[in-house]
Protein backbone atom coordinates (compact mmCIF):
# COMPACT_ATOMS: atom_id res chain seq x y z
CA MET A 1 -2.33 -8.98 -10.14
CA LEU A 2 -4.48 -11.72 -8.68
CA ASP A 3 -4.85 -13.26 -12.08
CA GLU A 4 -1.05 -13.28 -12.50
CA LEU A 5 -0.58 -14.91 -9.11
CA LYS A 6 -3.00 -17.73 -10.06
CA GLU A 7 -1.43 -18.11 -13.46
CA THR A 8 2.13 -18.37 -12.08
CA GLY A 9 1.29 -21.07 -9.49
CA TYR A 10 0.89 -19.24 -6.15
CA GLY A 11 -1.73 -20.13 -3.52
CA GLY A 12 -2.10 -16.87 -1.63
CA THR A 13 -1.25 -13.19 -1.25
CA GLU A 14 -0.82 -10.45 1.23
CA LEU A 15 -3.13 -7.42 1.21
CA GLY A 16 -0.73 -4.78 0.02
CA ASP A 17 -1.39 -1.05 0.68
CA TRP A 18 -4.93 -0.17 1.82
CA ASP A 19 -7.18 0.31 -1.32
CA TYR A 20 -4.75 -1.72 -3.52
CA MET A 21 -7.27 -4.51 -3.20
CA PRO A 22 -10.95 -4.30 -2.38
CA THR A 23 -11.45 -3.22 1.23
CA GLU A 24 -15.04 -4.68 1.52
CA SER A 25 -14.61 -8.11 2.97
CA GLU A 26 -17.18 -9.99 0.84
CA ARG A 27 -15.86 -8.62 -2.37
CA LEU A 28 -12.24 -9.30 -1.34
CA HIS A 29 -13.11 -12.87 -0.32
CA ASP A 30 -14.86 -13.40 -3.65
CA GLU A 31 -12.00 -12.07 -5.80
CA LEU A 32 -9.60 -14.40 -3.97
CA ALA A 33 -11.84 -17.43 -3.89
CA ASN A 34 -12.69 -17.20 -7.56
CA ARG A 35 -9.00 -17.66 -8.24
CA GLY A 36 -8.35 -20.28 -5.63
CA LEU A 37 -6.18 -17.86 -3.60
CA VAL A 38 -6.25 -17.10 0.12
CA MET A 39 -5.33 -13.98 2.11
CA LEU A 40 -2.16 -14.51 4.11
CA GLY A 41 -1.57 -11.25 5.98
CA ALA A 42 -0.87 -7.54 5.70
CA PHE A 43 2.18 -5.40 6.29
CA VAL A 44 1.53 -2.54 8.75
CA PRO A 45 4.27 0.01 9.41
CA VAL A 46 4.05 2.07 12.65
CA ALA A 47 6.51 4.60 14.18
CA LEU A 48 6.93 2.35 17.25
CA LYS A 49 9.69 4.37 18.92
CA ASP A 50 7.26 7.34 19.12
CA ALA A 51 4.80 6.82 21.92
CA ASP A 52 2.50 9.40 20.39
CA ALA A 53 2.14 7.14 17.28
CA HIS A 54 0.94 4.10 19.21
CA GLU A 55 -2.76 5.04 19.50
CA ALA A 56 -2.99 5.59 15.72
CA GLY A 57 -0.98 2.43 15.12
CA VAL A 58 -3.48 0.39 17.14
CA ALA A 59 -6.39 1.92 15.20
CA GLU A 60 -4.83 1.29 11.78
CA SER A 61 -3.81 -2.20 12.76
CA LEU A 62 -7.32 -3.04 13.90
CA LYS A 63 -8.89 -1.69 10.73
CA ILE A 64 -6.70 -3.97 8.63
CA ALA A 65 -6.95 -6.94 10.97
CA ARG A 66 -10.78 -6.79 10.99
CA LEU A 67 -10.73 -7.01 7.18
CA LEU A 68 -8.35 -9.99 7.23
CA ALA A 69 -10.41 -11.71 9.94
CA ASP A 70 -13.66 -11.27 7.97
CA VAL A 71 -12.14 -12.67 4.83
CA ALA A 72 -10.73 -15.64 6.71
CA GLU A 73 -14.10 -16.33 8.30
CA LYS A 74 -15.93 -16.17 5.02
CA GLY A 75 -13.34 -18.49 3.47
CA GLY A 76 -13.27 -20.90 6.41
CA TYR A 77 -9.57 -20.66 6.56
CA GLU A 78 -7.71 -23.31 8.65
CA GLN A 79 -4.72 -20.92 9.05
CA LEU A 80 -5.64 -17.35 9.92
CA PRO A 81 -3.80 -14.44 8.20
CA PHE A 82 -1.14 -12.50 10.21
CA LEU A 83 -0.79 -8.85 10.88
CA ALA A 84 2.83 -8.22 9.94
CA LEU A 85 3.81 -5.21 12.10
CA ALA A 86 6.88 -3.23 11.18
CA ASP A 87 8.75 0.01 12.01
CA ASP A 88 8.09 2.94 9.74
CA ASN A 89 11.14 1.91 7.73
CA GLY A 90 12.97 4.47 5.53
CA THR A 91 11.88 7.49 7.58
CA ASP A 92 14.88 7.90 9.92
CA ALA A 93 17.72 9.61 7.98
CA VAL A 94 20.57 7.80 9.69
CA ARG A 95 19.09 4.28 9.54
CA THR A 96 18.08 4.81 5.94
CA LYS A 97 21.43 6.03 4.82
CA ASN A 98 23.24 3.24 6.53
CA ALA A 99 21.01 0.25 5.86
CA GLY A 100 23.00 -2.93 5.58
CA ARG A 101 25.89 -1.53 7.55
CA THR A 102 24.47 -0.08 10.81
CA SER A 103 26.48 0.24 13.96
CA GLN A 104 25.50 -0.02 17.60
CA GLU A 105 25.61 3.73 17.86
CA MET A 106 22.70 4.01 15.47
CA SER A 107 20.51 1.77 17.58
CA LEU A 108 17.68 2.78 19.82
CA THR A 109 18.51 3.93 23.38
CA ASP A 110 17.34 1.75 26.25
CA GLU A 111 14.37 4.01 26.89
CA GLN A 112 13.44 4.03 23.17
CA TRP A 113 13.59 0.23 23.19
CA LYS A 114 11.04 0.08 26.02
CA VAL A 115 8.68 2.42 24.11
CA PHE A 116 9.18 0.45 20.94
CA ALA A 117 8.50 -2.96 22.57
CA ARG A 118 5.52 -1.59 24.45
CA GLY A 119 3.99 -0.29 21.32
CA ALA A 120 4.41 -3.57 19.51
CA GLU A 121 2.82 -5.52 22.40
CA ASP A 122 -0.08 -3.10 22.64
CA ILE A 123 -0.83 -3.56 18.96
CA ALA A 124 -0.45 -7.28 19.06
CA ARG A 125 -2.66 -7.48 22.20
CA ALA A 126 -5.42 -5.34 20.66
CA VAL A 127 -5.36 -7.33 17.38
CA LYS A 128 -5.50 -10.67 19.20
CA SER A 129 -8.30 -9.72 21.60
CA GLN A 130 -10.48 -7.95 19.13
CA THR A 131 -9.96 -10.06 16.01
CA GLY A 132 -8.35 -13.34 17.09
CA LEU A 133 -5.43 -12.76 14.65
CA ARG A 134 -1.83 -13.07 15.69
CA THR A 135 0.77 -10.43 15.05
CA VAL A 136 4.30 -11.01 13.72
CA PHE A 137 7.05 -8.41 13.64
CA HIS A 138 8.74 -7.82 10.29
CA HIS A 139 12.41 -6.81 10.78
CA HIS A 140 13.42 -4.59 7.94
CA CYS A 141 16.50 -2.75 6.55
CA GLY A 142 16.15 0.99 6.95
CA GLY A 143 14.35 0.62 10.23
CA PHE A 144 15.32 0.30 13.88
CA VAL A 145 15.07 -3.56 13.93
CA GLU A 146 17.48 -4.58 11.20
CA ARG A 147 20.49 -6.36 12.65
CA PRO A 148 20.31 -9.88 14.17
CA ASP A 149 21.00 -8.43 17.64
CA GLU A 150 18.19 -5.93 17.26
CA VAL A 151 15.78 -8.78 16.23
CA ALA A 152 16.91 -10.70 19.25
CA ARG A 153 16.48 -7.79 21.65
CA LEU A 154 12.92 -7.03 20.51
CA LEU A 155 11.90 -10.67 20.95
CA GLU A 156 13.50 -10.80 24.40
CA MET A 157 11.54 -7.64 25.36
CA THR A 158 8.16 -8.85 24.19
CA ASP A 159 5.67 -11.58 25.24
CA ALA A 160 6.22 -14.72 23.20
CA ASP A 161 2.48 -15.46 23.35
CA LEU A 162 1.60 -12.07 21.83
CA LEU A 163 4.26 -11.35 19.23
CA GLY A 164 5.92 -13.66 16.81
CA LEU A 165 8.44 -13.03 14.05
CA VAL A 166 8.17 -13.04 10.33
CA LEU A 167 11.60 -14.07 9.23
CA ASP A 168 12.56 -12.34 6.00
CA THR A 169 15.63 -14.08 4.59
CA GLY A 170 16.67 -11.07 2.39
CA HIS A 171 16.37 -8.42 4.92
CA TYR A 172 18.04 -10.47 7.65
CA THR A 173 20.97 -11.31 5.35
CA TYR A 174 21.52 -7.72 4.14
CA GLY A 175 20.87 -6.33 7.59
CA CYS A 176 23.56 -8.48 9.21
CA GLY A 177 26.22 -6.44 7.34
CA LYS A 178 28.02 -9.29 5.61
CA ASN A 179 27.32 -11.63 2.79
CA ASP A 180 27.02 -14.85 4.65
CA PRO A 181 24.94 -17.56 3.16
CA LYS A 182 24.49 -19.22 6.55
CA VAL A 183 23.15 -16.22 8.41
CA ALA A 184 19.46 -16.74 7.44
CA LEU A 185 19.78 -20.42 8.26
CA GLU A 186 21.16 -19.61 11.68
CA ALA A 187 18.19 -17.23 12.29
CA PHE A 188 15.77 -20.07 11.75
CA GLU A 189 17.63 -22.12 14.38
CA LEU A 190 17.98 -19.26 16.78
CA PHE A 191 14.38 -17.95 16.72
CA THR A 192 12.61 -21.23 15.97
CA GLU A 193 9.80 -20.80 18.51
CA ARG A 194 9.08 -17.22 17.54
CA ILE A 195 8.96 -17.66 13.77
CA TRP A 196 5.32 -17.98 12.87
CA TYR A 197 5.51 -16.76 9.30
CA VAL A 198 8.23 -16.71 6.62
CA HIS A 199 9.22 -14.32 3.75
CA PHE A 200 11.57 -15.53 1.12
CA LYS A 201 13.72 -12.84 -0.34
CA ASP A 202 17.27 -13.12 -1.80
CA CYS A 203 20.24 -10.79 -1.36
CA GLN A 204 22.72 -10.19 -4.19
CA PRO A 205 26.23 -10.11 -2.55
CA GLN A 206 28.05 -8.00 -5.18
CA ILE A 207 25.42 -5.32 -5.08
CA ALA A 208 25.30 -5.51 -1.25
CA ASP A 209 29.15 -4.94 -1.27
CA SER A 210 28.75 -1.98 -3.61
CA ALA A 211 26.01 -0.46 -1.42
CA ARG A 212 28.27 -0.67 1.64
CA ASN A 213 31.46 0.48 -0.20
CA GLU A 214 29.89 3.38 -2.04
CA GLY A 215 27.52 4.46 0.70
CA TRP A 216 24.24 3.90 -0.98
CA ASP A 217 21.18 4.43 1.17
CA TYR A 218 18.46 1.82 1.48
CA PHE A 219 16.33 3.03 -1.43
CA GLU A 220 19.35 3.18 -3.83
CA ALA A 221 20.43 -0.30 -2.85
CA VAL A 222 16.87 -1.62 -3.69
CA ARG A 223 16.91 0.31 -6.95
CA GLN A 224 20.26 -1.29 -7.86
CA GLY A 225 18.85 -4.76 -7.21
CA VAL A 226 20.18 -5.86 -3.79
CA PHE A 227 17.05 -7.95 -3.41
CA CYS A 228 17.35 -10.14 -6.49
CA GLU A 229 15.20 -13.05 -7.62
CA LEU A 230 15.41 -16.27 -5.68
CA GLY A 231 18.59 -18.30 -6.37
CA GLN A 232 20.48 -15.32 -7.77
CA GLY A 233 21.91 -14.20 -4.44
CA CYS A 234 23.58 -15.59 -1.40
CA VAL A 235 20.74 -16.98 0.60
CA ASP A 236 20.94 -20.81 0.83
CA PHE A 237 17.27 -21.60 0.12
CA PRO A 238 17.75 -25.35 -0.22
CA ALA A 239 19.24 -25.55 3.29
CA VAL A 240 16.56 -23.25 4.65
CA LEU A 241 13.85 -25.34 3.08
CA ASN A 242 15.36 -28.52 4.56
CA LEU A 243 15.51 -26.99 8.01
CA LEU A 244 11.92 -25.88 7.83
CA LYS A 245 10.95 -29.44 7.02
CA GLN A 246 13.04 -30.65 9.97
CA GLN A 247 11.31 -28.15 12.19
CA ASP A 248 7.88 -29.24 10.96
CA TYR A 249 7.08 -25.76 9.87
CA ASP A 250 3.62 -25.92 8.37
CA GLY A 251 2.86 -22.23 7.62
CA TRP A 252 3.04 -20.18 4.48
CA VAL A 253 6.18 -19.03 2.74
CA VAL A 254 5.67 -15.75 0.97
CA VAL A 255 7.86 -14.73 -1.98
CA GLU A 256 8.61 -10.97 -1.71
CA GLN A 257 10.09 -9.60 -4.87
CA ASP A 258 11.01 -6.06 -5.89
CA VAL A 259 10.59 -5.99 -9.75
CA LEU A 260 13.10 -3.56 -11.30
CA PRO A 261 13.85 -2.41 -14.82
CA GLY A 262 15.55 -5.25 -16.73
CA MET A 263 13.79 -7.97 -14.83
CA GLY A 264 10.79 -8.09 -17.24
CA SER A 265 7.17 -7.93 -16.06
CA PRO A 266 6.04 -8.77 -12.51
CA ARG A 267 4.40 -11.85 -13.98
CA GLU A 268 7.69 -13.09 -15.50
CA SER A 269 9.58 -12.49 -12.26
CA ALA A 270 6.88 -14.25 -10.24
CA ARG A 271 7.01 -17.22 -12.65
CA ARG A 272 10.81 -17.55 -12.31
CA ASN A 273 10.64 -17.45 -8.51
CA ARG A 274 7.82 -20.02 -8.50
CA GLU A 275 9.81 -22.24 -10.83
CA TYR A 276 12.87 -21.96 -8.64
CA LEU A 277 10.88 -23.05 -5.56
CA ARG A 278 9.19 -25.88 -7.48
CA ALA A 279 12.59 -27.15 -8.57
CA HIS A 280 13.46 -27.37 -4.89
CA GLY A 281 10.32 -29.34 -3.95
CA VAL A 282 7.93 -26.51 -2.91
């Protein structure tokens, strides 16, 4: 996989599931450095609405953050990797079934919100104090922070110095419940100060409509291709890129792509996405 990233013109990668890449820091650093790649971050799901899961969530986050920090130190990184904290998406039956079309009645209660926010802050605080890395929250369809109002509420309830946001254009667009090419752009304007990290993912509007009209759950929508390759959906990436330049965003943009049957190999999909971005000046 690392060879394919290098060959298709990317400069970095996230960790992936534990054991997908080497978990010994020197070896992981060497595998990346030998290909001119850097480690950007790691996605860590935690059942944040469950207070009993917080202690294990802190431990898992620290295990991963220490690996990231060690690799960054060995590589002399100017920009440190992020811990991308998320809900344990796809485990709640109601939220999973109604991804892309959730209602207020499906949201957390006020008390659950307090538990959720406290858990996110506790993890971010531990990661920062023990490794020096910063934590960003990854909103995600099929989880309890999916809609724009849910993203806003979590940010309002958490310390802006502790917890940032990784803005995922595809999840934000699908999660808003309508195929609006401006919604992701509005998110970058609304949450400017909290966006520390960016994921580029597209959302295919016809498939999104089918998912909502036919009642597909989150996993079926993904299987059907709701998160298509860049430029094939309704996210206005040229406008987003222009806004990021205006905002002097100097962080990484990560291409997140689900490769499905009919899309060819992961390498081919990665190359098409890279060519799309290159055509737009990135």
